[in-house]
PDB file of N, CA and C in Angstrom:
ATOM      1  N   MET A   1       1.104  27.566  -5.940  1.00  0.00           N
ATOM      2  CA  MET A   1       0.885  26.162  -5.582  1.00  0.00           C
ATOM      3  C   MET A   1       0.496  26.086  -4.104  1.00  0.00           C
ATOM      4  N   ASN A   2      -0.497  25.292  -3.830  1.00  0.00           N
ATOM      5  CA  ASN A   2      -0.895  25.211  -2.426  1.00  0.00           C
ATOM      6  C   ASN A   2      -0.051  24.169  -1.680  1.00  0.00           C
ATOM      7  N   LEU A   3      -0.109  24.230  -0.371  1.00  0.00           N
ATOM      8  CA  LEU A   3       0.725  23.392   0.489  1.00  0.00           C
ATOM      9  C   LEU A   3       0.430  21.906   0.286  1.00  0.00           C
ATOM     10  N   LYS A   4      -0.840  21.566   0.091  1.00  0.00           N
ATOM     11  CA  LYS A   4      -1.225  20.163  -0.085  1.00  0.00           C
ATOM     12  C   LYS A   4      -0.556  19.549  -1.327  1.00  0.00           C
ATOM     13  N   LYS A   5      -0.510  20.314  -2.407  1.00  0.00           N
ATOM     14  CA  LYS A   5       0.105  19.837  -3.647  1.00  0.00           C
ATOM     15  C   LYS A   5       1.620  19.685  -3.474  1.00  0.00           C
ATOM     16  N   ILE A   6       2.241  20.617  -2.786  1.00  0.00           N
ATOM     17  CA  ILE A   6       3.691  20.556  -2.555  1.00  0.00           C
ATOM     18  C   ILE A   6       4.041  19.332  -1.715  1.00  0.00           C
ATOM     19  N   ILE A   7       3.276  19.094  -0.657  1.00  0.00           N
ATOM     20  CA  ILE A   7       3.534  17.930   0.195  1.00  0.00           C
ATOM     21  C   ILE A   7       3.339  16.639  -0.593  1.00  0.00           C
ATOM     22  N   GLY A   8       2.317  16.593  -1.434  1.00  0.00           N
ATOM     23  CA  GLY A   8       2.083  15.424  -2.271  1.00  0.00           C
ATOM     24  C   GLY A   8       3.244  15.154  -3.217  1.00  0.00           C
ATOM     25  N   LEU A   9       3.744  16.208  -3.855  1.00  0.00           N
ATOM     26  CA  LEU A   9       4.880  16.053  -4.766  1.00  0.00           C
ATOM     27  C   LEU A   9       6.144  15.615  -4.020  1.00  0.00           C
ATOM     28  N   LEU A  10       6.360  16.165  -2.827  1.00  0.00           N
ATOM     29  CA  LEU A  10       7.515  15.752  -2.032  1.00  0.00           C
ATOM     30  C   LEU A  10       7.396  14.287  -1.613  1.00  0.00           C
ATOM     31  N   LEU A  11       6.195  13.857  -1.282  1.00  0.00           N
ATOM     32  CA  LEU A  11       5.979  12.466  -0.907  1.00  0.00           C
ATOM     33  C   LEU A  11       6.247  11.531  -2.087  1.00  0.00           C
ATOM     34  N   ILE A  12       5.779  11.902  -3.264  1.00  0.00           N
ATOM     35  CA  ILE A  12       6.038  11.093  -4.464  1.00  0.00           C
ATOM     36  C   ILE A  12       7.534  11.050  -4.758  1.00  0.00           C
ATOM     37  N   ALA A  13       8.211  12.186  -4.628  1.00  0.00           N
ATOM     38  CA  ALA A  13       9.656  12.226  -4.872  1.00  0.00           C
ATOM     39  C   ALA A  13      10.387  11.331  -3.867  1.00  0.00           C
ATOM     40  N   PHE A  14       9.959  11.342  -2.614  1.00  0.00           N
ATOM     41  CA  PHE A  14      10.596  10.496  -1.605  1.00  0.00           C
ATOM     42  C   PHE A  14      10.394   9.017  -1.918  1.00  0.00           C
ATOM     43  N   VAL A  15       9.192   8.647  -2.334  1.00  0.00           N
ATOM     44  CA  VAL A  15       8.917   7.242  -2.669  1.00  0.00           C
ATOM     45  C   VAL A  15       9.789   6.800  -3.837  1.00  0.00           C
ATOM     46  N   ILE A  16       9.894   7.630  -4.855  1.00  0.00           N
ATOM     47  CA  ILE A  16      10.743   7.289  -6.000  1.00  0.00           C
ATOM     48  C   ILE A  16      12.202   7.160  -5.561  1.00  0.00           C
ATOM     49  N   PHE A  17      12.674   8.082  -4.740  1.00  0.00           N
ATOM     50  CA  PHE A  17      14.046   8.011  -4.234  1.00  0.00           C
ATOM     51  C   PHE A  17      14.275   6.719  -3.450  1.00  0.00           C
ATOM     52  N   TYR A  18      13.322   6.370  -2.583  1.00  0.00           N
ATOM     53  CA  TYR A  18      13.467   5.165  -1.758  1.00  0.00           C
ATOM     54  C   TYR A  18      13.494   3.910  -2.619  1.00  0.00           C
ATOM     55  N   VAL A  19      12.606   3.836  -3.611  1.00  0.00           N
ATOM     56  CA  VAL A  19      12.553   2.657  -4.485  1.00  0.00           C
ATOM     57  C   VAL A  19      13.852   2.520  -5.271  1.00  0.00           C
ATOM     58  N   LEU A  20      14.392   3.628  -5.749  1.00  0.00           N
ATOM     59  CA  LEU A  20      15.640   3.566  -6.514  1.00  0.00           C
ATOM     60  C   LEU A  20      16.850   3.282  -5.620  1.00  0.00           C
ATOM     61  N   SER A  21      16.819   3.734  -4.385  1.00  0.00           N
ATOM     62  CA  SER A  21      17.952   3.541  -3.476  1.00  0.00           C
ATOM     63  C   SER A  21      17.950   2.167  -2.814  1.00  0.00           C
ATOM     64  N   PHE A  22      16.758   1.642  -2.495  1.00  0.00           N
ATOM     65  CA  PHE A  22      16.633   0.376  -1.776  1.00  0.00           C
ATOM     66  C   PHE A  22      15.607  -0.520  -2.469  1.00  0.00           C
ATOM     67  N   PRO A  23      15.951  -1.066  -3.634  1.00  0.00           N
ATOM     68  CA  PRO A  23      14.946  -1.832  -4.390  1.00  0.00           C
ATOM     69  C   PRO A  23      14.502  -3.124  -3.696  1.00  0.00           C
ATOM     70  N   GLU A  24      15.414  -3.816  -3.030  1.00  0.00           N
ATOM     71  CA  GLU A  24      15.033  -5.072  -2.378  1.00  0.00           C
ATOM     72  C   GLU A  24      14.096  -4.827  -1.205  1.00  0.00           C
ATOM     73  N   GLU A  25      14.403  -3.831  -0.384  1.00  0.00           N
ATOM     74  CA  GLU A  25      13.541  -3.508   0.741  1.00  0.00           C
ATOM     75  C   GLU A  25      12.173  -3.031   0.253  1.00  0.00           C
ATOM     76  N   SER A  26      12.180  -2.258  -0.831  1.00  0.00           N
ATOM     77  CA  SER A  26      10.926  -1.755  -1.388  1.00  0.00           C
ATOM     78  C   SER A  26      10.049  -2.899  -1.876  1.00  0.00           C
ATOM     79  N   SER A  27      10.655  -3.884  -2.513  1.00  0.00           N
ATOM     80  CA  SER A  27       9.867  -5.015  -3.010  1.00  0.00           C
ATOM     81  C   SER A  27       9.290  -5.822  -1.851  1.00  0.00           C
ATOM     82  N   GLN A  28      10.027  -5.949  -0.773  1.00  0.00           N
ATOM     83  CA  GLN A  28       9.503  -6.657   0.404  1.00  0.00           C
ATOM     84  C   GLN A  28       8.307  -5.915   0.999  1.00  0.00           C
ATOM     85  N   ILE A  29       8.387  -4.606   1.047  1.00  0.00           N
ATOM     86  CA  ILE A  29       7.274  -3.805   1.566  1.00  0.00           C
ATOM     87  C   ILE A  29       6.043  -3.993   0.695  1.00  0.00           C
ATOM     88  N   ILE A  30       6.226  -3.967  -0.615  1.00  0.00           N
ATOM     89  CA  ILE A  30       5.098  -4.143  -1.536  1.00  0.00           C
ATOM     90  C   ILE A  30       4.504  -5.541  -1.387  1.00  0.00           C
ATOM     91  N   LYS A  31       5.354  -6.565  -1.312  1.00  0.00           N
ATOM     92  CA  LYS A  31       4.862  -7.937  -1.166  1.00  0.00           C
ATOM     93  C   LYS A  31       4.061  -8.107   0.116  1.00  0.00           C
ATOM     94  N   SER A  32       4.568  -7.583   1.213  1.00  0.00           N
ATOM     95  CA  SER A  32       3.854  -7.742   2.478  1.00  0.00           C
ATOM     96  C   SER A  32       2.553  -6.932   2.492  1.00  0.00           C
ATOM     97  N   THR A  33       2.552  -5.763   1.863  1.00  0.00           N
ATOM     98  CA  THR A  33       1.342  -4.953   1.785  1.00  0.00           C
ATOM     99  C   THR A  33       0.266  -5.643   0.943  1.00  0.00           C
ATOM    100  N   VAL A  34       0.664  -6.167  -0.200  1.00  0.00           N
ATOM    101  CA  VAL A  34      -0.291  -6.871  -1.060  1.00  0.00           C
ATOM    102  C   VAL A  34      -0.803  -8.121  -0.358  1.00  0.00           C
ATOM    103  N   GLY A  35       0.065  -8.827   0.335  1.00  0.00           N
ATOM    104  CA  GLY A  35      -0.369 -10.006   1.085  1.00  0.00           C
ATOM    105  C   GLY A  35      -1.368  -9.661   2.171  1.00  0.00           C
ATOM    106  N   ALA A  36      -1.113  -8.577   2.887  1.00  0.00           N
ATOM    107  CA  ALA A  36      -2.034  -8.149   3.941  1.00  0.00           C
ATOM    108  C   ALA A  36      -3.382  -7.730   3.358  1.00  0.00           C
ATOM    109  N   LEU A  37      -3.361  -7.029   2.227  1.00  0.00           N
ATOM    110  CA  LEU A  37      -4.613  -6.638   1.581  1.00  0.00           C
ATOM    111  C   LEU A  37      -5.382  -7.857   1.086  1.00  0.00           C
ATOM    112  N   GLY A  38      -4.668  -8.852   0.575  1.00  0.00           N
ATOM    113  CA  GLY A  38      -5.314 -10.089   0.141  1.00  0.00           C
ATOM    114  C   GLY A  38      -5.957 -10.830   1.301  1.00  0.00           C
ATOM    115  N   ASP A  39      -5.253 -10.900   2.413  1.00  0.00           N
ATOM    116  CA  ASP A  39      -5.808 -11.543   3.610  1.00  0.00           C
ATOM    117  C   ASP A  39      -7.046 -10.799   4.108  1.00  0.00           C
ATOM    118  N   ALA A  40      -6.970  -9.477   4.102  1.00  0.00           N
ATOM    119  CA  ALA A  40      -8.112  -8.676   4.559  1.00  0.00           C
ATOM    120  C   ALA A  40      -9.320  -8.891   3.647  1.00  0.00           C
ATOM    121  N   ALA A  41      -9.088  -8.947   2.347  1.00  0.00           N
ATOM    122  CA  ALA A  41     -10.189  -9.167   1.405  1.00  0.00           C
ATOM    123  C   ALA A  41     -10.806 -10.550   1.613  1.00  0.00           C
ATOM    124  N   GLY A  42      -9.966 -11.553   1.833  1.00  0.00           N
ATOM    125  CA  GLY A  42     -10.476 -12.898   2.086  1.00  0.00           C
ATOM    126  C   GLY A  42     -11.287 -12.970   3.370  1.00  0.00           C
ATOM    127  N   ASN A  43     -10.803 -12.329   4.407  1.00  0.00           N
ATOM    128  CA  ASN A  43     -11.530 -12.303   5.679  1.00  0.00           C
ATOM    129  C   ASN A  43     -12.853 -11.554   5.549  1.00  0.00           C
ATOM    130  N   PHE A  44     -12.859 -10.477   4.787  1.00  0.00           N
ATOM    131  CA  PHE A  44     -14.090  -9.718   4.580  1.00  0.00           C
ATOM    132  C   PHE A  44     -15.101 -10.551   3.793  1.00  0.00           C
ATOM    133  N   ALA A  45     -14.625 -11.275   2.788  1.00  0.00           N
ATOM    134  CA  ALA A  45     -15.509 -12.134   2.002  1.00  0.00           C
ATOM    135  C   ALA A  45     -16.121 -13.217   2.890  1.00  0.00           C
ATOM    136  N   THR A  46     -15.335 -13.805   3.760  1.00  0.00           N
ATOM    137  CA  THR A  46     -15.842 -14.804   4.693  1.00  0.00           C
ATOM    138  C   THR A  46     -16.896 -14.200   5.622  1.00  0.00           C
ATOM    139  N   PHE A  47     -16.653 -12.997   6.085  1.00  0.00           N
ATOM    140  CA  PHE A  47     -17.604 -12.298   6.951  1.00  0.00           C
ATOM    141  C   PHE A  47     -18.939 -12.073   6.234  1.00  0.00           C
ATOM    142  N   VAL A  48     -18.861 -11.575   4.987  1.00  0.00           N
ATOM    143  CA  VAL A  48     -20.081 -11.313   4.239  1.00  0.00           C
ATOM    144  C   VAL A  48     -20.829 -12.610   3.954  1.00  0.00           C
ATOM    145  N   LYS A  49     -20.118 -13.681   3.619  1.00  0.00           N
ATOM    146  CA  LYS A  49     -20.757 -14.969   3.376  1.00  0.00           C
ATOM    147  C   LYS A  49     -21.474 -15.464   4.629  1.00  0.00           C
ATOM    148  N   SER A  50     -20.859 -15.258   5.787  1.00  0.00           N
ATOM    149  CA  SER A  50     -21.476 -15.730   7.030  1.00  0.00           C
ATOM    150  C   SER A  50     -22.725 -14.927   7.371  1.00  0.00           C
ATOM    151  N   ILE A  51     -22.801 -13.686   6.959  1.00  0.00           N
ATOM    152  CA  ILE A  51     -23.983 -12.869   7.206  1.00  0.00           C
ATOM    153  C   ILE A  51     -25.174 -13.410   6.397  1.00  0.00           C
ATOM    154  N   PHE A  52     -24.925 -13.736   5.140  1.00  0.00           N
ATOM    155  CA  PHE A  52     -26.008 -14.152   4.235  1.00  0.00           C
ATOM    156  C   PHE A  52     -26.231 -15.647   4.197  1.00  0.00           C
ATOM    157  N   ALA A  53     -25.506 -16.407   4.990  1.00  0.00           N
ATOM    158  CA  ALA A  53     -25.678 -17.863   4.993  1.00  0.00           C
ATOM    159  C   ALA A  53     -26.771 -18.291   5.944  1.00  0.00           C
TER     160      ALA A  53
END
């Protein structure tokens, strides 16, 4: 197994451990991340509209 695959598996294991250990904090992180991605997508759409307007 190469090092990249081992690090990836360890990262996945850590994420699963964190979600199971701290479910409320994990949900807050997901909510804020999705909100930030939504805001970024909206801002990008506005930018593209302004280019072609």
